[in-house]
Amino acid sequence: MNDGGQVLVTGATGYIGGRLVPELLSAGYRVRVLARHPERISSRDWADDVEVFAGDATARPDLRRALEGRRGLLPDPRPRLRVGVRRA
């Protein structure tokens, strides 16, 4: 069990993030999820146990706001945020 650290999870509606969130919750973390489509979180069993933040992990302002007060970020989207790289 940890000290209840606060983490941000990106991709919570996807395969990895959707499986990571319940593991973090059961380990005692307080979880905030960043989702482009926050309405998709409501169908998850853990939806009532997380803080949902609407935004896009590839948009730096959204990511900065979502990270406020968090101690960690999982999975880390930074490789997609390199300057000059655009998603197709």
N, C-alpha and C. Protein backbone atom coordinates (compact mmCIF):
# COMPACT_ATOMS: atom_id res chain seq x y z
N MET A 1 0.85 -1.18 0.00
CA MET A 1 0.00 0.00 0.00
C MET A 1 0.89 1.24 0.00
N ASN A 2 0.51 2.25 -0.76
CA ASN A 2 1.29 3.47 -0.81
C ASN A 2 0.67 4.54 0.08
N ASP A 3 1.19 5.75 -0.02
CA ASP A 3 0.72 6.84 0.82
C ASP A 3 -0.47 7.59 0.22
N GLY A 4 -1.13 7.01 -0.77
CA GLY A 4 -2.27 7.67 -1.38
C GLY A 4 -1.86 8.77 -2.33
N GLY A 5 -0.73 8.60 -2.98
CA GLY A 5 -0.26 9.60 -3.93
C GLY A 5 -1.28 9.89 -5.00
N GLN A 6 -1.18 11.06 -5.56
CA GLN A 6 -2.10 11.49 -6.60
C GLN A 6 -1.43 11.35 -7.95
N VAL A 7 -2.09 10.63 -8.87
CA VAL A 7 -1.52 10.42 -10.19
C VAL A 7 -2.53 10.80 -11.26
N LEU A 8 -1.98 11.09 -12.44
CA LEU A 8 -2.80 11.37 -13.62
C LEU A 8 -2.61 10.22 -14.59
N VAL A 9 -3.71 9.70 -15.10
CA VAL A 9 -3.66 8.64 -16.10
C VAL A 9 -4.22 9.18 -17.41
N THR A 10 -3.42 9.06 -18.47
CA THR A 10 -3.90 9.40 -19.80
C THR A 10 -4.33 8.11 -20.48
N GLY A 11 -5.23 8.22 -21.43
CA GLY A 11 -5.66 7.03 -22.17
C GLY A 11 -6.52 6.10 -21.35
N ALA A 12 -7.25 6.62 -20.38
CA ALA A 12 -8.04 5.77 -19.49
C ALA A 12 -9.18 5.06 -20.20
N THR A 13 -9.58 5.53 -21.37
CA THR A 13 -10.64 4.84 -22.12
C THR A 13 -10.07 3.78 -23.04
N GLY A 14 -8.75 3.67 -23.09
CA GLY A 14 -8.10 2.69 -23.95
C GLY A 14 -7.76 1.41 -23.22
N TYR A 15 -7.09 0.53 -23.92
CA TYR A 15 -6.77 -0.80 -23.41
C TYR A 15 -5.85 -0.74 -22.17
N ILE A 16 -4.75 -0.05 -22.29
CA ILE A 16 -3.78 -0.02 -21.18
C ILE A 16 -4.29 0.84 -20.03
N GLY A 17 -4.67 2.08 -20.33
CA GLY A 17 -5.14 2.98 -19.28
C GLY A 17 -6.35 2.44 -18.54
N GLY A 18 -7.26 1.82 -19.28
CA GLY A 18 -8.47 1.28 -18.67
C GLY A 18 -8.20 0.14 -17.71
N ARG A 19 -7.09 -0.53 -17.89
CA ARG A 19 -6.70 -1.61 -16.97
C ARG A 19 -5.78 -1.11 -15.87
N LEU A 20 -5.09 -0.04 -16.14
CA LEU A 20 -4.18 0.54 -15.16
C LEU A 20 -4.94 1.23 -14.03
N VAL A 21 -6.01 1.93 -14.36
CA VAL A 21 -6.75 2.70 -13.35
C VAL A 21 -7.21 1.84 -12.17
N PRO A 22 -7.89 0.71 -12.38
CA PRO A 22 -8.32 -0.07 -11.21
C PRO A 22 -7.16 -0.61 -10.38
N GLU A 23 -6.04 -0.89 -11.04
CA GLU A 23 -4.86 -1.35 -10.30
C GLU A 23 -4.32 -0.24 -9.40
N LEU A 24 -4.27 0.97 -9.92
CA LEU A 24 -3.81 2.10 -9.12
C LEU A 24 -4.76 2.38 -7.96
N LEU A 25 -6.05 2.32 -8.22
CA LEU A 25 -7.04 2.55 -7.15
C LEU A 25 -6.91 1.50 -6.06
N SER A 26 -6.74 0.24 -6.45
CA SER A 26 -6.63 -0.81 -5.44
C SER A 26 -5.33 -0.71 -4.65
N ALA A 27 -4.32 -0.04 -5.24
CA ALA A 27 -3.06 0.17 -4.53
C ALA A 27 -3.10 1.41 -3.65
N GLY A 28 -4.22 2.13 -3.67
CA GLY A 28 -4.37 3.26 -2.78
C GLY A 28 -4.10 4.62 -3.38
N TYR A 29 -3.86 4.67 -4.67
CA TYR A 29 -3.62 5.97 -5.32
C TYR A 29 -4.92 6.72 -5.52
N ARG A 30 -4.84 8.03 -5.50
CA ARG A 30 -5.94 8.89 -5.90
C ARG A 30 -5.70 9.22 -7.36
N VAL A 31 -6.66 8.87 -8.20
CA VAL A 31 -6.46 8.91 -9.65
C VAL A 31 -7.30 10.00 -10.30
N ARG A 32 -6.65 10.76 -11.15
CA ARG A 32 -7.32 11.70 -12.05
C ARG A 32 -7.08 11.14 -13.45
N VAL A 33 -8.12 11.13 -14.27
CA VAL A 33 -7.96 10.67 -15.65
C VAL A 33 -8.17 11.85 -16.59
N LEU A 34 -7.36 11.89 -17.63
CA LEU A 34 -7.46 12.90 -18.67
C LEU A 34 -8.06 12.23 -19.89
N ALA A 35 -9.22 12.72 -20.33
CA ALA A 35 -9.91 12.09 -21.45
C ALA A 35 -10.44 13.13 -22.42
N ARG A 36 -10.21 12.88 -23.70
CA ARG A 36 -10.77 13.77 -24.73
C ARG A 36 -12.29 13.68 -24.73
N HIS A 37 -12.80 12.49 -24.41
CA HIS A 37 -14.24 12.25 -24.37
C HIS A 37 -14.63 11.74 -22.99
N PRO A 38 -14.76 12.66 -22.02
CA PRO A 38 -15.00 12.23 -20.64
C PRO A 38 -16.28 11.41 -20.46
N GLU A 39 -17.23 11.55 -21.35
CA GLU A 39 -18.47 10.77 -21.23
C GLU A 39 -18.21 9.27 -21.36
N ARG A 40 -17.12 8.91 -21.99
CA ARG A 40 -16.79 7.49 -22.14
C ARG A 40 -16.31 6.85 -20.84
N ILE A 41 -15.95 7.66 -19.87
CA ILE A 41 -15.49 7.15 -18.57
C ILE A 41 -16.65 6.58 -17.77
N SER A 42 -17.85 7.13 -17.96
CA SER A 42 -19.00 6.76 -17.13
C SER A 42 -19.35 5.28 -17.20
N SER A 43 -18.98 4.59 -18.25
CA SER A 43 -19.30 3.17 -18.37
C SER A 43 -18.30 2.27 -17.64
N ARG A 44 -17.24 2.84 -17.13
CA ARG A 44 -16.22 2.04 -16.44
C ARG A 44 -16.64 1.76 -15.00
N ASP A 45 -16.31 0.59 -14.51
CA ASP A 45 -16.67 0.22 -13.13
C ASP A 45 -16.08 1.17 -12.10
N TRP A 46 -14.96 1.78 -12.42
CA TRP A 46 -14.25 2.65 -11.49
C TRP A 46 -14.57 4.12 -11.67
N ALA A 47 -15.54 4.45 -12.51
CA ALA A 47 -15.83 5.85 -12.86
C ALA A 47 -16.09 6.74 -11.64
N ASP A 48 -16.77 6.22 -10.65
CA ASP A 48 -17.09 7.02 -9.46
C ASP A 48 -15.91 7.19 -8.51
N ASP A 49 -14.82 6.48 -8.78
CA ASP A 49 -13.66 6.50 -7.89
C ASP A 49 -12.51 7.37 -8.39
N VAL A 50 -12.71 8.05 -9.52
CA VAL A 50 -11.67 8.87 -10.10
C VAL A 50 -12.18 10.29 -10.32
N GLU A 51 -11.24 11.20 -10.48
CA GLU A 51 -11.55 12.57 -10.89
C GLU A 51 -11.35 12.61 -12.40
N VAL A 52 -12.34 13.05 -13.13
CA VAL A 52 -12.27 13.10 -14.59
C VAL A 52 -11.95 14.52 -15.03
N PHE A 53 -10.94 14.64 -15.88
CA PHE A 53 -10.51 15.93 -16.41
C PHE A 53 -10.64 15.86 -17.92
N ALA A 54 -11.43 16.76 -18.49
CA ALA A 54 -11.63 16.78 -19.94
C ALA A 54 -10.47 17.49 -20.61
N GLY A 55 -9.86 16.84 -21.59
CA GLY A 55 -8.76 17.45 -22.31
C GLY A 55 -8.05 16.45 -23.17
N ASP A 56 -7.04 16.94 -23.85
CA ASP A 56 -6.26 16.13 -24.79
C ASP A 56 -4.81 16.07 -24.30
N ALA A 57 -4.29 14.88 -24.12
CA ALA A 57 -2.93 14.72 -23.62
C ALA A 57 -1.88 15.26 -24.57
N THR A 58 -2.24 15.45 -25.84
CA THR A 58 -1.27 16.00 -26.79
C THR A 58 -1.33 17.52 -26.85
N ALA A 59 -2.25 18.12 -26.10
CA ALA A 59 -2.35 19.58 -26.02
C ALA A 59 -1.66 20.02 -24.73
N ARG A 60 -0.52 20.66 -24.85
CA ARG A 60 0.27 21.02 -23.67
C ARG A 60 -0.52 21.77 -22.60
N PRO A 61 -1.37 22.75 -22.95
CA PRO A 61 -2.11 23.45 -21.89
C PRO A 61 -3.05 22.50 -21.12
N ASP A 62 -3.70 21.58 -21.82
CA ASP A 62 -4.57 20.62 -21.15
C ASP A 62 -3.76 19.73 -20.21
N LEU A 63 -2.63 19.25 -20.69
CA LEU A 63 -1.80 18.37 -19.89
C LEU A 63 -1.26 19.09 -18.66
N ARG A 64 -0.83 20.33 -18.83
CA ARG A 64 -0.33 21.10 -17.68
C ARG A 64 -1.41 21.27 -16.62
N ARG A 65 -2.62 21.64 -17.05
CA ARG A 65 -3.71 21.83 -16.08
C ARG A 65 -4.06 20.52 -15.39
N ALA A 66 -4.11 19.44 -16.15
CA ALA A 66 -4.47 18.15 -15.57
C ALA A 66 -3.41 17.65 -14.58
N LEU A 67 -2.16 18.04 -14.79
CA LEU A 67 -1.07 17.61 -13.91
C LEU A 67 -0.99 18.39 -12.59
N GLU A 68 -1.68 19.50 -12.50
CA GLU A 68 -1.60 20.31 -11.27
C GLU A 68 -1.96 19.46 -10.06
N GLY A 69 -1.06 19.43 -9.10
CA GLY A 69 -1.29 18.68 -7.87
C GLY A 69 -1.03 17.19 -7.96
N ARG A 70 -0.62 16.71 -9.11
CA ARG A 70 -0.35 15.28 -9.29
C ARG A 70 1.12 15.00 -9.04
N ARG A 71 1.41 13.79 -8.59
CA ARG A 71 2.79 13.38 -8.34
C ARG A 71 3.34 12.49 -9.44
N GLY A 72 2.47 12.01 -10.33
CA GLY A 72 2.94 11.14 -11.39
C GLY A 72 2.00 11.16 -12.58
N LEU A 73 2.51 10.69 -13.71
CA LEU A 73 1.76 10.64 -14.96
C LEU A 73 1.96 9.27 -15.59
N LEU A 74 0.87 8.58 -15.88
CA LEU A 74 0.93 7.24 -16.46
C LEU A 74 -0.17 7.10 -17.51
N PRO A 75 0.01 6.41 -18.58
CA PRO A 75 1.27 6.29 -19.28
C PRO A 75 1.76 7.66 -19.73
N ASP A 76 3.03 7.80 -19.91
CA ASP A 76 3.65 9.09 -20.21
C ASP A 76 3.51 9.41 -21.70
N PRO A 77 2.79 10.48 -22.06
CA PRO A 77 2.58 10.80 -23.47
C PRO A 77 3.67 11.67 -24.09
N ARG A 78 4.69 12.03 -23.36
CA ARG A 78 5.68 12.98 -23.86
C ARG A 78 6.30 12.63 -25.20
N PRO A 79 6.56 11.38 -25.54
CA PRO A 79 7.16 11.13 -26.86
C PRO A 79 6.32 11.72 -28.00
N ARG A 80 5.01 11.82 -27.83
CA ARG A 80 4.15 12.38 -28.86
C ARG A 80 4.16 13.89 -28.85
N LEU A 81 4.78 14.51 -27.85
CA LEU A 81 4.73 15.94 -27.72
C LEU A 81 6.00 16.64 -28.20
N ARG A 82 6.86 15.95 -28.90
CA ARG A 82 8.09 16.55 -29.38
C ARG A 82 7.78 17.72 -30.31
N VAL A 83 8.56 18.74 -30.20
CA VAL A 83 8.37 19.93 -31.04
C VAL A 83 8.58 19.56 -32.50
N GLY A 84 7.68 20.02 -33.35
CA GLY A 84 7.80 19.79 -34.77
C GLY A 84 7.21 18.48 -35.26
N VAL A 85 6.70 17.66 -34.37
CA VAL A 85 6.11 16.39 -34.76
C VAL A 85 4.60 16.53 -34.72
N ARG A 86 3.96 16.20 -35.79
CA ARG A 86 2.51 16.29 -35.86
C ARG A 86 1.93 14.88 -36.02
N ARG A 87 0.82 14.67 -35.35
CA ARG A 87 0.14 13.38 -35.52
C ARG A 87 -0.62 13.39 -36.83
N ALA A 88 -0.63 12.26 -37.51
CA ALA A 88 -1.34 12.16 -38.79
C ALA A 88 -2.83 12.08 -38.58
